[in-house]
C-alpha atoms as a PDB file:
ATOM      1  CA  MET A   1     -30.366  -0.724 199.394  1.00  0.00           C
ATOM      2  CA  SER A   2     -31.133  -3.872 197.407  1.00  0.00           C
ATOM      3  CA  GLN A   3     -32.898  -6.778 199.024  1.00  0.00           C
ATOM      4  CA  ILE A   4     -31.255 -10.216 199.054  1.00  0.00           C
ATOM      5  CA  THR A   5     -33.469 -13.073 197.939  1.00  0.00           C
ATOM      6  CA  ILE A   6     -32.224 -16.515 198.868  1.00  0.00           C
ATOM      7  CA  SER A   7     -33.874 -19.255 196.830  1.00  0.00           C
ATOM      8  CA  LEU A   8     -33.292 -22.703 198.242  1.00  0.00           C
ATOM      9  CA  PRO A   9     -33.783 -25.623 195.875  1.00  0.00           C
ATOM     10  CA  ALA A  10     -35.335 -28.840 197.122  1.00  0.00           C
ATOM     11  CA  ASN A  11     -33.076 -31.496 198.591  1.00  0.00           C
ATOM     12  CA  ALA A  12     -29.905 -29.426 198.835  1.00  0.00           C
ATOM     13  CA  LEU A  13     -27.638 -28.516 201.724  1.00  0.00           C
ATOM     14  CA  PHE A  14     -27.577 -25.033 203.224  1.00  0.00           C
ATOM     15  CA  GLU A  15     -24.244 -24.295 204.913  1.00  0.00           C
ATOM     16  CA  PHE A  16     -23.806 -21.826 207.775  1.00  0.00           C
ATOM     17  CA  ALA A  17     -20.202 -20.679 208.289  1.00  0.00           C
ATOM     18  CA  VAL A  18     -18.703 -18.000 210.551  1.00  0.00           C
ATOM     19  CA  GLY A  19     -15.189 -16.776 211.182  1.00  0.00           C
ATOM     20  CA  LYS A  20     -12.801 -14.044 212.129  1.00  0.00           C
ATOM     21  CA  ALA A  21      -9.750 -12.717 210.290  1.00  0.00           C
ATOM     22  CA  VAL A  22      -6.373 -12.298 211.928  1.00  0.00           C
ATOM     23  CA  GLU A  23      -5.819  -8.578 212.439  1.00  0.00           C
ATOM     24  CA  GLY A  24      -3.755  -7.258 209.534  1.00  0.00           C
ATOM     25  CA  LYS A  25      -4.559 -10.279 207.318  1.00  0.00           C
ATOM     26  CA  GLU A  26      -7.932  -9.066 206.013  1.00  0.00           C
ATOM     27  CA  GLU A  27      -6.535  -8.258 202.549  1.00  0.00           C
ATOM     28  CA  GLN A  28      -5.033 -11.735 202.278  1.00  0.00           C
ATOM     29  CA  LEU A  29      -8.371 -13.307 203.155  1.00  0.00           C
ATOM     30  CA  PHE A  30     -10.765 -11.056 201.253  1.00  0.00           C
ATOM     31  CA  GLY A  31      -8.486  -9.913 198.418  1.00  0.00           C
ATOM     32  CA  GLN A  32      -6.549 -13.112 197.713  1.00  0.00           C
ATOM     33  CA  TYR A  33      -8.172 -16.238 199.153  1.00  0.00           C
ATOM     34  CA  PHE A  34     -11.865 -15.569 198.474  1.00  0.00           C
ATOM     35  CA  PRO A  35     -11.372 -14.521 194.805  1.00  0.00           C
ATOM     36  CA  GLN A  36      -9.291 -17.662 194.188  1.00  0.00           C
ATOM     37  CA  VAL A  37     -11.546 -20.103 196.040  1.00  0.00           C
ATOM     38  CA  GLY A  38     -14.843 -18.864 194.562  1.00  0.00           C
ATOM     39  CA  PRO A  39     -14.418 -20.501 191.139  1.00  0.00           C
ATOM     40  CA  ILE A  40     -13.179 -23.718 192.776  1.00  0.00           C
ATOM     41  CA  VAL A  41     -16.268 -23.850 195.001  1.00  0.00           C
ATOM     42  CA  GLY A  42     -18.441 -23.235 191.929  1.00  0.00           C
ATOM     43  CA  SER A  43     -16.782 -26.046 190.004  1.00  0.00           C
ATOM     44  CA  HIS A  44     -18.097 -28.438 192.667  1.00  0.00           C
ATOM     45  CA  GLY A  45     -21.634 -27.039 192.601  1.00  0.00           C
ATOM     46  CA  GLY A  46     -21.247 -24.850 195.695  1.00  0.00           C
ATOM     47  CA  ARG A  47     -22.811 -21.419 195.579  1.00  0.00           C
ATOM     48  CA  PRO A  48     -22.523 -18.549 198.063  1.00  0.00           C
ATOM     49  CA  VAL A  49     -25.976 -17.100 198.751  1.00  0.00           C
ATOM     50  CA  GLY A  50     -25.050 -14.301 201.119  1.00  0.00           C
ATOM     51  CA  GLY A  51     -22.372 -12.929 203.358  1.00  0.00           C
ATOM     52  CA  PHE A  52     -23.022 -11.147 206.635  1.00  0.00           C
ATOM     53  CA  GLN A  53     -21.480  -9.211 209.490  1.00  0.00           C
ATOM     54  CA  VAL A  54     -21.819 -10.810 212.914  1.00  0.00           C
ATOM     55  CA  LEU A  55     -22.999  -8.158 215.357  1.00  0.00           C
ATOM     56  CA  SER A  56     -23.172 -10.530 218.335  1.00  0.00           C
ATOM     57  CA  TYR A  57     -22.533 -14.204 218.864  1.00  0.00           C
ATOM     58  CA  PRO A  58     -23.414 -16.761 221.524  1.00  0.00           C
ATOM     59  CA  ALA A  59     -21.773 -16.298 224.913  1.00  0.00           C
ATOM     60  CA  GLY A  60     -18.994 -18.782 225.448  1.00  0.00           C
ATOM     61  CA  SER A  61     -18.383 -19.350 221.743  1.00  0.00           C
ATOM     62  CA  ALA A  62     -15.368 -18.169 219.791  1.00  0.00           C
ATOM     63  CA  GLU A  63     -15.456 -14.500 218.782  1.00  0.00           C
ATOM     64  CA  VAL A  64     -16.577 -14.252 215.159  1.00  0.00           C
ATOM     65  CA  ALA A  65     -16.950 -11.176 212.947  1.00  0.00           C
ATOM     66  CA  PHE A  66     -18.410 -12.363 209.647  1.00  0.00           C
ATOM     67  CA  GLY A  67     -20.156 -15.273 208.052  1.00  0.00           C
ATOM     68  CA  ALA A  68     -21.504 -16.733 204.857  1.00  0.00           C
ATOM     69  CA  LEU A  69     -24.368 -18.903 203.714  1.00  0.00           C
ATOM     70  CA  PHE A  70     -23.755 -21.438 200.940  1.00  0.00           C
ATOM     71  CA  LEU A  71     -25.802 -23.931 198.960  1.00  0.00           C
ATOM     72  CA  TRP A  72     -24.419 -27.351 198.093  1.00  0.00           C
ATOM     73  CA  PRO A  73     -26.088 -29.962 195.872  1.00  0.00           C
ATOM     74  CA  SER A  74     -24.867 -32.722 198.221  1.00  0.00           C
ATOM     75  CA  ARG A  75     -22.387 -33.622 200.928  1.00  0.00           C
ATOM     76  CA  ALA A  76     -20.370 -35.430 198.242  1.00  0.00           C
ATOM     77  CA  ALA A  77     -19.916 -32.118 196.375  1.00  0.00           C
ATOM     78  CA  TYR A  78     -18.595 -30.449 199.548  1.00  0.00           C
ATOM     79  CA  ASP A  79     -16.253 -33.375 200.189  1.00  0.00           C
ATOM     80  CA  ALA A  80     -15.034 -33.246 196.573  1.00  0.00           C
ATOM     81  CA  LEU A  81     -14.104 -29.580 197.082  1.00  0.00           C
ATOM     82  CA  HIS A  82     -11.957 -30.498 200.061  1.00  0.00           C
ATOM     83  CA  ALA A  83     -10.217 -33.261 198.059  1.00  0.00           C
ATOM     84  CA  ASP A  84      -9.522 -30.939 195.093  1.00  0.00           C
ATOM     85  CA  GLU A  85      -5.801 -30.127 194.669  1.00  0.00           C
ATOM     86  CA  ALA A  86      -6.632 -26.564 193.531  1.00  0.00           C
ATOM     87  CA  PHE A  87      -8.559 -26.004 196.784  1.00  0.00           C
ATOM     88  CA  LYS A  88      -5.781 -27.528 198.869  1.00  0.00           C
ATOM     89  CA  ALA A  89      -3.334 -25.115 197.202  1.00  0.00           C
ATOM     90  CA  VAL A  90      -5.213 -22.013 198.437  1.00  0.00           C
ATOM     91  CA  VAL A  91      -6.145 -23.319 201.911  1.00  0.00           C
ATOM     92  CA  PRO A  92      -2.862 -22.054 203.453  1.00  0.00           C
ATOM     93  CA  LEU A  93      -3.865 -18.480 202.490  1.00  0.00           C
ATOM     94  CA  ARG A  94      -7.124 -18.962 204.413  1.00  0.00           C
ATOM     95  CA  ASP A  95      -5.612 -20.727 207.389  1.00  0.00           C
ATOM     96  CA  GLU A  96      -2.915 -18.091 207.849  1.00  0.00           C
ATOM     97  CA  ALA A  97      -5.471 -15.268 207.613  1.00  0.00           C
ATOM     98  CA  MET A  98      -8.205 -16.655 209.892  1.00  0.00           C
ATOM     99  CA  SER A  99      -8.111 -16.951 213.663  1.00  0.00           C
ATOM    100  CA  VAL A 100     -11.526 -18.662 213.765  1.00  0.00           C
ATOM    101  CA  LEU A 101     -13.379 -20.730 211.161  1.00  0.00           C
ATOM    102  CA  ASN A 102     -16.552 -22.665 211.931  1.00  0.00           C
ATOM    103  CA  SER A 103     -17.857 -24.185 208.703  1.00  0.00           C
ATOM    104  CA  GLY A 104     -19.486 -27.369 207.470  1.00  0.00           C
ATOM    105  CA  ASN A 105     -22.689 -26.734 209.433  1.00  0.00           C
ATOM    106  CA  PHE A 106     -25.268 -28.205 207.054  1.00  0.00           C
ATOM    107  CA  PHE A 107     -29.038 -27.851 207.107  1.00  0.00           C
ATOM    108  CA  ASP A 108     -31.519 -29.641 204.839  1.00  0.00           C
ATOM    109  CA  THR A 109     -33.533 -27.487 202.441  1.00  0.00           C
ATOM    110  CA  GLY A 110     -36.335 -30.063 202.309  1.00  0.00           C
ATOM    111  CA  ALA A 111     -38.949 -29.084 199.726  1.00  0.00           C
ATOM    112  CA  GLY A 112     -37.132 -25.797 199.074  1.00  0.00           C
ATOM    113  CA  ALA A 113     -37.930 -22.283 200.196  1.00  0.00           C
ATOM    114  CA  GLU A 114     -37.319 -18.633 199.459  1.00  0.00           C
ATOM    115  CA  VAL A 115     -36.534 -15.819 201.864  1.00  0.00           C
ATOM    116  CA  THR A 116     -35.863 -12.141 201.199  1.00  0.00           C
ATOM    117  CA  LEU A 117     -33.571 -10.270 203.570  1.00  0.00           C
ATOM    118  CA  ASP A 118     -32.885  -6.534 203.777  1.00  0.00           C
ATOM    119  CA  PRO A 119     -29.236  -5.502 204.344  1.00  0.00           C
ATOM    120  CA  ALA A 120     -30.501  -2.519 206.384  1.00  0.00           C
ATOM    121  CA  GLN A 121     -32.319  -4.871 208.806  1.00  0.00           C
ATOM    122  CA  THR A 122     -30.750  -6.758 211.721  1.00  0.00           C
ATOM    123  CA  TYR A 123     -31.577 -10.466 211.850  1.00  0.00           C
ATOM    124  CA  ALA A 124     -30.983 -13.271 214.296  1.00  0.00           C
ATOM    125  CA  ILE A 125     -29.867 -16.740 213.359  1.00  0.00           C
ATOM    126  CA  VAL A 126     -30.935 -19.000 216.196  1.00  0.00           C
ATOM    127  CA  MET A 127     -29.926 -22.622 216.595  1.00  0.00           C
ATOM    128  CA  ALA A 128     -32.535 -24.475 218.639  1.00  0.00           C
ATOM    129  CA  ASP A 129     -34.104 -27.897 219.104  1.00  0.00           C
ATOM    130  CA  HIS A 130     -37.152 -26.707 217.141  1.00  0.00           C
ATOM    131  CA  PRO A 131     -38.070 -23.991 214.615  1.00  0.00           C
ATOM    132  CA  ILE A 132     -38.519 -20.579 216.234  1.00  0.00           C
ATOM    133  CA  GLU A 133     -42.050 -19.194 215.924  1.00  0.00           C
ATOM    134  CA  GLY A 134     -42.199 -16.402 213.356  1.00  0.00           C
ATOM    135  CA  ALA A 135     -39.026 -17.535 211.555  1.00  0.00           C
ATOM    136  CA  LEU A 136     -38.618 -16.321 207.989  1.00  0.00           C
ATOM    137  CA  LEU A 137     -36.695 -19.521 207.320  1.00  0.00           C
ATOM    138  CA  ALA A 138     -36.309 -22.662 209.448  1.00  0.00           C
ATOM    139  CA  LEU A 139     -34.172 -25.620 208.372  1.00  0.00           C
ATOM    140  CA  PRO A 140     -33.301 -28.800 210.278  1.00  0.00           C
ATOM    141  CA  ALA A 141     -29.688 -29.890 210.660  1.00  0.00           C
ATOM    142  CA  ALA A 142     -28.619 -32.375 208.024  1.00  0.00           C
ATOM    143  CA  THR A 143     -27.908 -35.844 209.316  1.00  0.00           C
ATOM    144  CA  ASP A 144     -24.507 -35.767 207.576  1.00  0.00           C
ATOM    145  CA  THR A 145     -23.440 -32.336 208.811  1.00  0.00           C
ATOM    146  CA  GLN A 146     -19.677 -31.992 209.156  1.00  0.00           C
ATOM    147  CA  GLY A 147     -19.908 -29.375 211.908  1.00  0.00           C
ATOM    148  CA  ARG A 148     -21.033 -30.897 215.191  1.00  0.00           C
ATOM    149  CA  ASP A 149     -21.751 -27.595 216.961  1.00  0.00           C
ATOM    150  CA  PHE A 150     -25.333 -27.471 215.710  1.00  0.00           C
ATOM    151  CA  ALA A 151     -26.047 -31.161 215.064  1.00  0.00           C
ATOM    152  CA  GLY A 152     -29.660 -31.986 215.851  1.00  0.00           C
ATOM    153  CA  LYS A 153     -30.657 -28.315 215.845  1.00  0.00           C
ATOM    154  CA  THR A 154     -32.843 -26.208 213.588  1.00  0.00           C
ATOM    155  CA  LEU A 155     -31.470 -23.024 212.025  1.00  0.00           C
ATOM    156  CA  SER A 156     -34.061 -20.238 212.180  1.00  0.00           C
ATOM    157  CA  ILE A 157     -33.617 -16.777 210.649  1.00  0.00           C
ATOM    158  CA  LEU A 158     -35.895 -14.018 211.901  1.00  0.00           C
ATOM    159  CA  PRO A 159     -35.882 -10.282 212.557  1.00  0.00           C
ATOM    160  CA  ALA A 160     -33.659  -9.647 215.592  1.00  0.00           C
ATOM    161  CA  GLU A 161     -36.376  -7.762 217.458  1.00  0.00           C
ATOM    162  CA  THR A 162     -38.651 -10.820 217.428  1.00  0.00           C
ATOM    163  CA  ALA A 163     -35.965 -13.428 218.175  1.00  0.00           C
ATOM    164  CA  PRO A 164     -35.721 -14.946 221.628  1.00  0.00           C
ATOM    165  CA  GLU A 165     -32.706 -14.181 223.779  1.00  0.00           C
ATOM    166  CA  CYS A 166     -30.854 -17.466 224.074  1.00  0.00           C
ATOM    167  CA  ASP A 167     -27.368 -18.927 224.181  1.00  0.00           C
ATOM    168  CA  THR A 168     -27.417 -20.025 220.524  1.00  0.00           C
ATOM    169  CA  ARG A 169     -28.250 -16.689 218.882  1.00  0.00           C
ATOM    170  CA  PHE A 170     -26.116 -14.889 216.303  1.00  0.00           C
ATOM    171  CA  GLU A 171     -27.198 -11.347 215.503  1.00  0.00           C
ATOM    172  CA  ILE A 172     -26.284 -10.457 211.925  1.00  0.00           C
ATOM    173  CA  ARG A 173     -26.636  -7.912 209.156  1.00  0.00           C
ATOM    174  CA  MET A 174     -26.457  -9.166 205.581  1.00  0.00           C
ATOM    175  CA  ASN A 175     -23.836  -7.613 203.301  1.00  0.00           C
ATOM    176  CA  PRO A 176     -25.386  -5.661 200.421  1.00  0.00           C
ATOM    177  CA  PRO A 177     -25.257  -7.499 197.080  1.00  0.00           C
ATOM    178  CA  ALA A 178     -22.200  -6.690 194.971  1.00  0.00           C
END
């Protein structure tokens, strides 16, 4: 299985988003909404860097089943997407097909970084007040993050077997590249 290399440019925003589809609406979400929204996201400088399955999520949080990681050149680019009439036209497809959506959780890429992830490996994404020791990638929350769930936290990605058990841990498996 191919490895996934995520190259983070300097001074960009890394977005963490998770969600769950309404049962029976998966085709609407994955077959209609995502193919239509992808080019719109790209026209604003957004770029998906990897999708993943959520194997476990923090206790007490909404049940989520999948997620995605995006790169944005700036918060203004993300905001421009949400003001775009073409985006607004496809949002009802998404909203009707998703029971949970937690997006707009931004983390600063700082000087930039690169991480390679194996779709056969299980990873943990941990949100904590500090970088987790042994993290393959650790990014601080952006000061202008839209999502407030992880404001002031650091996103750390590390192999699940080395990640601490905590109440802000998502266990994931990256989707193989298309």
